[in-house]
Amino acid sequence: MKYTNSIEIDLPRERVAELLADPAHVPKWLRGVVLHEPVSGIHGQLGTTSRVVMESGKRQFECTETITRREPADLQEIPEEVVVHFDREIVGAGMWSVVRDRLTEVNPTTTLWEQESEYRFSSLVMRLVALIMPRTFHQQSQQHMQDFKEFAEHGKDVREGKS
């Protein structure tokens, strides 16, 4: 299953790239993150493998995330014509996914974030869910992007108000 989402963020591309690349911010905008810790490498850098624990309802699941592309490596003073790429592979029980993020400068104060997502499932249950409800995955990704936008532009933390 493959799909693409996009959103405009009212911040300069360098700032958006810095916020996205910093794992310390992930729990502030990615709903359900319980833990995001490096197993090898330096957080946010190319080749880093991290253990990620997510929670959905009362269930927790664990996966491994590997950063497979980060261009440019230095996120300071990115030339106007350069597109920022930040890709990661996620592997969990019965699931493989790759997410490819692209950040393009719309103007000096606005960034277009495009995200391509691809999922493959080896679990029969997840294959059926993906077949029956593919829009759910697409909508969840768009919600994560909207949550990031709210965090980046207004400092809104998805954990606030959580009971």
N, C-alpha and C. Protein backbone atom coordinates (compact mmCIF):
# COMPACT_ATOMS: atom_id res chain seq x y z
N MET A 1 0.84 -1.17 0.00
CA MET A 1 0.00 0.00 0.00
C MET A 1 0.89 1.23 0.00
N LYS A 2 0.61 2.17 -0.91
CA LYS A 2 1.38 3.41 -1.01
C LYS A 2 0.41 4.59 -1.08
N TYR A 3 0.82 5.69 -0.49
CA TYR A 3 0.04 6.93 -0.59
C TYR A 3 0.94 8.12 -0.28
N THR A 4 0.46 9.32 -0.63
CA THR A 4 1.21 10.55 -0.42
C THR A 4 0.33 11.56 0.30
N ASN A 5 0.92 12.28 1.25
CA ASN A 5 0.26 13.37 1.96
C ASN A 5 1.12 14.61 1.83
N SER A 6 0.50 15.78 2.03
CA SER A 6 1.28 17.01 2.03
C SER A 6 0.59 18.06 2.89
N ILE A 7 1.40 19.02 3.33
CA ILE A 7 0.88 20.12 4.14
C ILE A 7 1.87 21.28 4.04
N GLU A 8 1.36 22.51 4.09
CA GLU A 8 2.22 23.69 4.14
C GLU A 8 2.36 24.13 5.58
N ILE A 9 3.58 24.48 5.95
CA ILE A 9 3.89 24.92 7.31
C ILE A 9 4.44 26.34 7.22
N ASP A 10 3.89 27.21 8.04
CA ASP A 10 4.28 28.62 8.02
C ASP A 10 5.54 28.87 8.84
N LEU A 11 6.61 28.23 8.41
CA LEU A 11 7.94 28.42 8.99
C LEU A 11 8.98 28.22 7.90
N PRO A 12 10.16 28.82 8.05
CA PRO A 12 11.23 28.59 7.08
C PRO A 12 11.62 27.10 7.04
N ARG A 13 12.02 26.65 5.89
CA ARG A 13 12.37 25.24 5.68
C ARG A 13 13.43 24.74 6.66
N GLU A 14 14.45 25.54 6.95
CA GLU A 14 15.51 25.12 7.87
C GLU A 14 14.93 24.79 9.25
N ARG A 15 13.99 25.62 9.70
CA ARG A 15 13.39 25.41 11.03
C ARG A 15 12.54 24.14 11.03
N VAL A 16 11.76 23.93 9.97
CA VAL A 16 10.94 22.72 9.87
C VAL A 16 11.84 21.48 9.86
N ALA A 17 12.93 21.53 9.09
CA ALA A 17 13.86 20.40 9.00
C ALA A 17 14.48 20.11 10.37
N GLU A 18 14.88 21.15 11.08
CA GLU A 18 15.48 20.96 12.40
C GLU A 18 14.50 20.31 13.36
N LEU A 19 13.25 20.77 13.37
CA LEU A 19 12.24 20.21 14.27
C LEU A 19 11.92 18.76 13.93
N LEU A 20 11.79 18.45 12.64
CA LEU A 20 11.50 17.08 12.23
C LEU A 20 12.66 16.13 12.54
N ALA A 21 13.88 16.62 12.41
CA ALA A 21 15.06 15.77 12.60
C ALA A 21 15.41 15.54 14.07
N ASP A 22 14.81 16.31 14.96
CA ASP A 22 15.15 16.20 16.38
C ASP A 22 14.18 15.25 17.09
N PRO A 23 14.63 14.03 17.42
CA PRO A 23 13.75 13.04 18.05
C PRO A 23 13.21 13.48 19.41
N ALA A 24 13.84 14.45 20.05
CA ALA A 24 13.33 14.93 21.34
C ALA A 24 11.94 15.54 21.20
N HIS A 25 11.63 16.03 20.00
CA HIS A 25 10.33 16.65 19.76
C HIS A 25 9.24 15.65 19.34
N VAL A 26 9.63 14.46 18.94
CA VAL A 26 8.67 13.49 18.39
C VAL A 26 7.45 13.27 19.30
N PRO A 27 7.62 13.04 20.61
CA PRO A 27 6.44 12.81 21.45
C PRO A 27 5.49 14.02 21.52
N LYS A 28 5.98 15.20 21.18
CA LYS A 28 5.15 16.40 21.24
C LYS A 28 4.15 16.48 20.09
N TRP A 29 4.44 15.77 18.98
CA TRP A 29 3.54 15.87 17.84
C TRP A 29 3.10 14.52 17.27
N LEU A 30 3.77 13.43 17.63
CA LEU A 30 3.39 12.11 17.11
C LEU A 30 2.61 11.36 18.18
N ARG A 31 1.30 11.32 18.00
CA ARG A 31 0.41 10.69 18.98
C ARG A 31 0.79 9.23 19.20
N GLY A 32 0.79 8.83 20.48
CA GLY A 32 1.00 7.43 20.81
C GLY A 32 2.44 7.03 21.07
N VAL A 33 3.40 7.94 20.88
CA VAL A 33 4.79 7.58 21.13
C VAL A 33 5.02 7.44 22.63
N VAL A 34 5.48 6.27 23.03
CA VAL A 34 5.81 6.02 24.43
C VAL A 34 7.32 6.16 24.62
N LEU A 35 8.09 5.67 23.62
CA LEU A 35 9.54 5.67 23.71
C LEU A 35 10.15 5.75 22.32
N HIS A 36 11.20 6.54 22.20
CA HIS A 36 11.95 6.65 20.94
C HIS A 36 13.41 6.80 21.34
N GLU A 37 14.15 5.68 21.34
CA GLU A 37 15.52 5.71 21.84
C GLU A 37 16.48 5.07 20.83
N PRO A 38 17.65 5.68 20.64
CA PRO A 38 18.61 5.09 19.70
C PRO A 38 19.21 3.79 20.23
N VAL A 39 19.34 2.84 19.33
CA VAL A 39 20.00 1.57 19.64
C VAL A 39 21.43 1.65 19.13
N SER A 40 21.60 2.30 17.98
CA SER A 40 22.94 2.56 17.44
C SER A 40 22.89 3.86 16.67
N GLY A 41 24.00 4.58 16.68
CA GLY A 41 24.08 5.85 15.99
C GLY A 41 23.67 7.01 16.87
N ILE A 42 23.60 8.19 16.24
CA ILE A 42 23.26 9.43 16.94
C ILE A 42 21.85 9.84 16.51
N HIS A 43 20.99 10.09 17.49
CA HIS A 43 19.61 10.47 17.22
C HIS A 43 19.49 11.45 16.05
N GLY A 44 18.65 11.11 15.09
CA GLY A 44 18.37 12.01 13.98
C GLY A 44 19.35 11.97 12.83
N GLN A 45 20.43 11.22 12.97
CA GLN A 45 21.47 11.19 11.94
C GLN A 45 21.32 9.97 11.03
N LEU A 46 21.86 10.09 9.83
CA LEU A 46 21.82 9.01 8.85
C LEU A 46 22.38 7.72 9.43
N GLY A 47 21.66 6.62 9.22
CA GLY A 47 22.11 5.31 9.69
C GLY A 47 21.70 4.96 11.11
N THR A 48 21.16 5.92 11.85
CA THR A 48 20.77 5.65 13.23
C THR A 48 19.60 4.68 13.27
N THR A 49 19.69 3.69 14.14
CA THR A 49 18.60 2.75 14.37
C THR A 49 18.05 3.03 15.77
N SER A 50 16.73 3.15 15.86
CA SER A 50 16.08 3.45 17.13
C SER A 50 15.00 2.44 17.45
N ARG A 51 14.82 2.21 18.72
CA ARG A 51 13.71 1.40 19.21
C ARG A 51 12.56 2.36 19.48
N VAL A 52 11.39 2.03 18.92
CA VAL A 52 10.22 2.89 19.06
C VAL A 52 9.09 2.06 19.65
N VAL A 53 8.50 2.58 20.72
CA VAL A 53 7.34 1.93 21.33
C VAL A 53 6.16 2.88 21.17
N MET A 54 5.08 2.36 20.58
CA MET A 54 3.87 3.14 20.33
C MET A 54 2.73 2.52 21.12
N GLU A 55 1.74 3.37 21.41
CA GLU A 55 0.56 2.92 22.13
C GLU A 55 -0.67 3.32 21.33
N SER A 56 -1.58 2.38 21.19
CA SER A 56 -2.85 2.64 20.51
C SER A 56 -3.93 2.04 21.37
N GLY A 57 -4.75 2.89 21.98
CA GLY A 57 -5.72 2.40 22.95
C GLY A 57 -4.97 1.86 24.15
N LYS A 58 -5.22 0.61 24.49
CA LYS A 58 -4.53 -0.01 25.62
C LYS A 58 -3.44 -0.96 25.15
N ARG A 59 -3.21 -1.00 23.82
CA ARG A 59 -2.19 -1.89 23.27
C ARG A 59 -0.91 -1.13 22.98
N GLN A 60 0.21 -1.78 23.23
CA GLN A 60 1.51 -1.23 22.87
C GLN A 60 2.14 -2.13 21.83
N PHE A 61 2.89 -1.52 20.92
CA PHE A 61 3.66 -2.30 19.97
C PHE A 61 5.01 -1.64 19.78
N GLU A 62 5.98 -2.47 19.43
CA GLU A 62 7.36 -2.01 19.30
C GLU A 62 7.83 -2.20 17.87
N CYS A 63 8.64 -1.26 17.42
CA CYS A 63 9.23 -1.38 16.08
C CYS A 63 10.64 -0.79 16.11
N THR A 64 11.33 -0.98 15.02
CA THR A 64 12.68 -0.44 14.85
C THR A 64 12.65 0.54 13.69
N GLU A 65 13.20 1.71 13.92
CA GLU A 65 13.26 2.75 12.89
C GLU A 65 14.72 2.99 12.51
N THR A 66 15.01 3.00 11.21
CA THR A 66 16.36 3.29 10.73
C THR A 66 16.28 4.47 9.77
N ILE A 67 17.12 5.47 10.01
CA ILE A 67 17.16 6.62 9.11
C ILE A 67 18.01 6.23 7.91
N THR A 68 17.37 6.21 6.73
CA THR A 68 18.03 5.73 5.52
C THR A 68 18.47 6.84 4.59
N ARG A 69 18.00 8.06 4.83
CA ARG A 69 18.42 9.19 4.00
C ARG A 69 18.21 10.47 4.79
N ARG A 70 19.21 11.33 4.77
CA ARG A 70 19.12 12.66 5.36
C ARG A 70 19.99 13.56 4.52
N GLU A 71 19.35 14.33 3.67
CA GLU A 71 20.08 15.24 2.77
C GLU A 71 19.42 16.61 2.78
N PRO A 72 20.19 17.62 2.95
CA PRO A 72 21.62 17.61 3.26
C PRO A 72 21.84 17.21 4.72
N ALA A 73 23.04 16.77 5.02
CA ALA A 73 23.38 16.35 6.39
C ALA A 73 23.33 17.55 7.33
N ASP A 74 23.79 18.72 6.85
CA ASP A 74 23.77 19.95 7.64
C ASP A 74 22.49 20.71 7.29
N LEU A 75 21.65 20.91 8.28
CA LEU A 75 20.36 21.55 8.04
C LEU A 75 20.40 23.07 8.22
N GLN A 76 21.58 23.63 8.34
CA GLN A 76 21.73 25.08 8.45
C GLN A 76 22.03 25.68 7.08
N GLU A 77 21.43 26.81 6.79
CA GLU A 77 21.69 27.56 5.55
C GLU A 77 21.57 26.69 4.30
N ILE A 78 20.43 26.05 4.14
CA ILE A 78 20.17 25.20 2.99
C ILE A 78 19.90 26.09 1.78
N PRO A 79 20.59 25.87 0.67
CA PRO A 79 20.33 26.69 -0.52
C PRO A 79 18.87 26.59 -0.96
N GLU A 80 18.34 27.69 -1.49
CA GLU A 80 16.93 27.79 -1.86
C GLU A 80 16.45 26.67 -2.77
N GLU A 81 17.25 26.26 -3.73
CA GLU A 81 16.83 25.27 -4.73
C GLU A 81 16.94 23.82 -4.24
N VAL A 82 17.54 23.59 -3.08
CA VAL A 82 17.74 22.24 -2.56
C VAL A 82 16.49 21.75 -1.84
N VAL A 83 16.08 20.53 -2.16
CA VAL A 83 14.97 19.87 -1.47
C VAL A 83 15.57 19.03 -0.34
N VAL A 84 15.02 19.18 0.85
CA VAL A 84 15.49 18.40 2.00
C VAL A 84 14.80 17.03 1.96
N HIS A 85 15.59 15.97 2.11
CA HIS A 85 15.08 14.59 2.13
C HIS A 85 15.37 13.98 3.49
N PHE A 86 14.36 13.33 4.04
CA PHE A 86 14.52 12.65 5.33
C PHE A 86 13.70 11.38 5.25
N ASP A 87 14.37 10.23 5.07
CA ASP A 87 13.68 8.95 4.88
C ASP A 87 14.00 8.01 6.03
N ARG A 88 13.02 7.16 6.33
CA ARG A 88 13.24 6.17 7.38
C ARG A 88 12.47 4.90 7.08
N GLU A 89 13.05 3.80 7.52
CA GLU A 89 12.45 2.48 7.37
C GLU A 89 12.00 2.03 8.76
N ILE A 90 10.79 1.48 8.83
CA ILE A 90 10.23 1.05 10.10
C ILE A 90 9.83 -0.42 9.98
N VAL A 91 10.31 -1.22 10.92
CA VAL A 91 10.03 -2.66 10.90
C VAL A 91 9.46 -3.06 12.25
N GLY A 92 8.34 -3.77 12.22
CA GLY A 92 7.71 -4.27 13.44
C GLY A 92 7.13 -5.64 13.17
N ALA A 93 6.52 -6.22 14.16
CA ALA A 93 5.93 -7.55 14.01
C ALA A 93 4.88 -7.53 12.90
N GLY A 94 5.15 -8.28 11.84
CA GLY A 94 4.20 -8.39 10.74
C GLY A 94 4.10 -7.18 9.84
N MET A 95 5.02 -6.20 9.98
CA MET A 95 4.91 -4.96 9.23
C MET A 95 6.28 -4.41 8.81
N TRP A 96 6.33 -3.86 7.61
CA TRP A 96 7.48 -3.11 7.11
C TRP A 96 6.93 -1.84 6.50
N SER A 97 7.61 -0.73 6.74
CA SER A 97 7.15 0.55 6.19
C SER A 97 8.36 1.41 5.86
N VAL A 98 8.18 2.25 4.85
CA VAL A 98 9.17 3.27 4.56
C VAL A 98 8.43 4.60 4.40
N VAL A 99 9.01 5.64 4.98
CA VAL A 99 8.44 6.98 4.90
C VAL A 99 9.50 7.89 4.30
N ARG A 100 9.12 8.60 3.24
CA ARG A 100 10.04 9.51 2.55
C ARG A 100 9.49 10.93 2.66
N ASP A 101 10.20 11.76 3.42
CA ASP A 101 9.79 13.15 3.60
C ASP A 101 10.60 14.06 2.69
N ARG A 102 9.90 15.03 2.09
CA ARG A 102 10.55 16.06 1.28
C ARG A 102 10.08 17.42 1.77
N LEU A 103 11.04 18.31 1.99
CA LEU A 103 10.74 19.68 2.40
C LEU A 103 11.20 20.62 1.31
N THR A 104 10.26 21.39 0.79
CA THR A 104 10.54 22.33 -0.30
C THR A 104 10.18 23.73 0.16
N GLU A 105 11.02 24.68 -0.17
CA GLU A 105 10.76 26.07 0.18
C GLU A 105 9.72 26.65 -0.77
N VAL A 106 8.55 27.03 -0.23
CA VAL A 106 7.52 27.69 -1.02
C VAL A 106 7.91 29.15 -1.18
N ASN A 107 8.30 29.76 -0.06
CA ASN A 107 8.87 31.11 -0.01
C ASN A 107 9.71 31.15 1.27
N PRO A 108 10.40 32.23 1.56
CA PRO A 108 11.30 32.23 2.73
C PRO A 108 10.63 31.91 4.08
N THR A 109 9.31 32.04 4.16
CA THR A 109 8.64 31.80 5.44
C THR A 109 7.65 30.62 5.41
N THR A 110 7.61 29.89 4.30
CA THR A 110 6.65 28.79 4.17
C THR A 110 7.33 27.56 3.56
N THR A 111 7.03 26.40 4.13
CA THR A 111 7.61 25.12 3.70
C THR A 111 6.51 24.17 3.27
N LEU A 112 6.72 23.50 2.16
CA LEU A 112 5.83 22.42 1.73
C LEU A 112 6.46 21.11 2.19
N TRP A 113 5.70 20.35 3.01
CA TRP A 113 6.14 19.04 3.48
C TRP A 113 5.33 17.99 2.73
N GLU A 114 6.02 17.20 1.92
CA GLU A 114 5.39 16.09 1.20
C GLU A 114 5.92 14.79 1.79
N GLN A 115 5.02 13.85 1.99
CA GLN A 115 5.40 12.59 2.62
C GLN A 115 4.82 11.43 1.83
N GLU A 116 5.73 10.56 1.37
CA GLU A 116 5.32 9.32 0.70
C GLU A 116 5.45 8.20 1.72
N SER A 117 4.39 7.41 1.84
CA SER A 117 4.39 6.28 2.77
C SER A 117 4.12 5.00 2.01
N GLU A 118 4.83 3.96 2.40
CA GLU A 118 4.62 2.64 1.80
C GLU A 118 4.60 1.62 2.93
N TYR A 119 3.61 0.74 2.90
CA TYR A 119 3.46 -0.30 3.91
C TYR A 119 3.39 -1.67 3.24
N ARG A 120 3.98 -2.65 3.91
CA ARG A 120 3.84 -4.05 3.54
C ARG A 120 3.58 -4.84 4.82
N PHE A 121 2.65 -5.78 4.72
CA PHE A 121 2.27 -6.55 5.89
C PHE A 121 2.44 -8.04 5.63
N SER A 122 2.99 -8.75 6.62
CA SER A 122 3.08 -10.20 6.51
C SER A 122 2.00 -10.87 7.36
N SER A 123 1.41 -10.12 8.25
CA SER A 123 0.33 -10.61 9.10
C SER A 123 -0.98 -10.60 8.30
N LEU A 124 -1.70 -11.70 8.33
CA LEU A 124 -2.97 -11.80 7.61
C LEU A 124 -3.96 -10.74 8.10
N VAL A 125 -4.03 -10.55 9.40
CA VAL A 125 -4.96 -9.57 9.97
C VAL A 125 -4.64 -8.17 9.44
N MET A 126 -3.37 -7.78 9.46
CA MET A 126 -3.01 -6.43 8.99
C MET A 126 -3.21 -6.30 7.49
N ARG A 127 -2.98 -7.37 6.73
CA ARG A 127 -3.24 -7.32 5.28
C ARG A 127 -4.72 -7.06 5.02
N LEU A 128 -5.58 -7.71 5.80
CA LEU A 128 -7.02 -7.50 5.65
C LEU A 128 -7.42 -6.08 6.04
N VAL A 129 -6.86 -5.59 7.15
CA VAL A 129 -7.15 -4.22 7.58
C VAL A 129 -6.74 -3.24 6.49
N ALA A 130 -5.55 -3.42 5.94
CA ALA A 130 -5.06 -2.53 4.88
C ALA A 130 -5.93 -2.61 3.63
N LEU A 131 -6.43 -3.78 3.34
CA LEU A 131 -7.28 -3.98 2.17
C LEU A 131 -8.65 -3.35 2.37
N ILE A 132 -9.21 -3.51 3.56
CA ILE A 132 -10.56 -3.02 3.85
C ILE A 132 -10.58 -1.53 4.18
N MET A 133 -9.56 -1.05 4.89
CA MET A 133 -9.55 0.33 5.36
C MET A 133 -8.26 1.08 5.00
N PRO A 134 -7.87 1.13 3.73
CA PRO A 134 -6.63 1.81 3.39
C PRO A 134 -6.67 3.30 3.71
N ARG A 135 -7.84 3.90 3.64
CA ARG A 135 -7.97 5.34 3.92
C ARG A 135 -7.60 5.69 5.36
N THR A 136 -7.77 4.73 6.27
CA THR A 136 -7.43 4.96 7.67
C THR A 136 -5.94 5.29 7.83
N PHE A 137 -5.08 4.58 7.12
CA PHE A 137 -3.64 4.83 7.19
C PHE A 137 -3.32 6.22 6.65
N HIS A 138 -3.92 6.55 5.52
CA HIS A 138 -3.72 7.86 4.89
C HIS A 138 -4.17 8.98 5.84
N GLN A 139 -5.34 8.83 6.43
CA GLN A 139 -5.86 9.84 7.35
C GLN A 139 -5.00 9.98 8.59
N GLN A 140 -4.50 8.87 9.11
CA GLN A 140 -3.65 8.93 10.29
C GLN A 140 -2.35 9.69 9.98
N SER A 141 -1.77 9.42 8.82
CA SER A 141 -0.55 10.15 8.42
C SER A 141 -0.83 11.64 8.29
N GLN A 142 -1.97 11.99 7.70
CA GLN A 142 -2.32 13.41 7.56
C GLN A 142 -2.52 14.05 8.94
N GLN A 143 -3.10 13.31 9.88
CA GLN A 143 -3.29 13.82 11.24
C GLN A 143 -1.94 14.07 11.90
N HIS A 144 -0.97 13.16 11.70
CA HIS A 144 0.37 13.36 12.27
C HIS A 144 0.99 14.63 11.69
N MET A 145 0.82 14.85 10.40
CA MET A 145 1.38 16.04 9.77
C MET A 145 0.70 17.31 10.31
N GLN A 146 -0.60 17.26 10.49
CA GLN A 146 -1.33 18.40 11.05
C GLN A 146 -0.88 18.67 12.48
N ASP A 147 -0.68 17.61 13.26
CA ASP A 147 -0.19 17.76 14.63
C ASP A 147 1.20 18.38 14.64
N PHE A 148 2.06 17.96 13.69
CA PHE A 148 3.40 18.56 13.61
C PHE A 148 3.28 20.05 13.29
N LYS A 149 2.42 20.39 12.34
CA LYS A 149 2.22 21.80 11.96
C LYS A 149 1.81 22.63 13.19
N GLU A 150 0.86 22.11 13.97
CA GLU A 150 0.40 22.82 15.17
C GLU A 150 1.53 22.96 16.20
N PHE A 151 2.34 21.92 16.32
CA PHE A 151 3.48 21.98 17.23
C PHE A 151 4.51 23.00 16.73
N ALA A 152 4.86 22.91 15.46
CA ALA A 152 5.91 23.77 14.90
C ALA A 152 5.49 25.24 14.91
N GLU A 153 4.27 25.52 14.49
CA GLU A 153 3.82 26.91 14.37
C GLU A 153 3.38 27.52 15.69
N HIS A 154 2.78 26.71 16.59
CA HIS A 154 2.16 27.26 17.80
C HIS A 154 2.63 26.63 19.10
N GLY A 155 3.54 25.65 19.03
CA GLY A 155 4.03 25.00 20.23
C GLY A 155 3.04 24.05 20.88
N LYS A 156 1.98 23.67 20.16
CA LYS A 156 0.96 22.78 20.71
C LYS A 156 1.52 21.37 20.85
N ASP A 157 1.39 20.81 22.05
CA ASP A 157 1.87 19.47 22.38
C ASP A 157 0.67 18.53 22.42
N VAL A 158 0.69 17.45 21.63
CA VAL A 158 -0.46 16.53 21.57
C VAL A 158 -0.72 15.84 22.91
N ARG A 159 0.26 15.85 23.79
CA ARG A 159 0.09 15.18 25.08
C ARG A 159 -0.69 16.03 26.07
N GLU A 160 -0.79 17.34 25.80
CA GLU A 160 -1.51 18.24 26.73
C GLU A 160 -2.99 17.92 26.70
N GLY A 161 -3.58 17.91 27.87
CA GLY A 161 -5.01 17.64 27.99
C GLY A 161 -5.34 16.16 27.96
N LYS A 162 -4.30 15.34 27.88
CA LYS A 162 -4.51 13.89 27.87
C LYS A 162 -4.78 13.42 29.29
N SER A 163 -5.82 12.62 29.47
CA SER A 163 -6.14 12.16 30.82
C SER A 163 -5.53 10.81 31.12
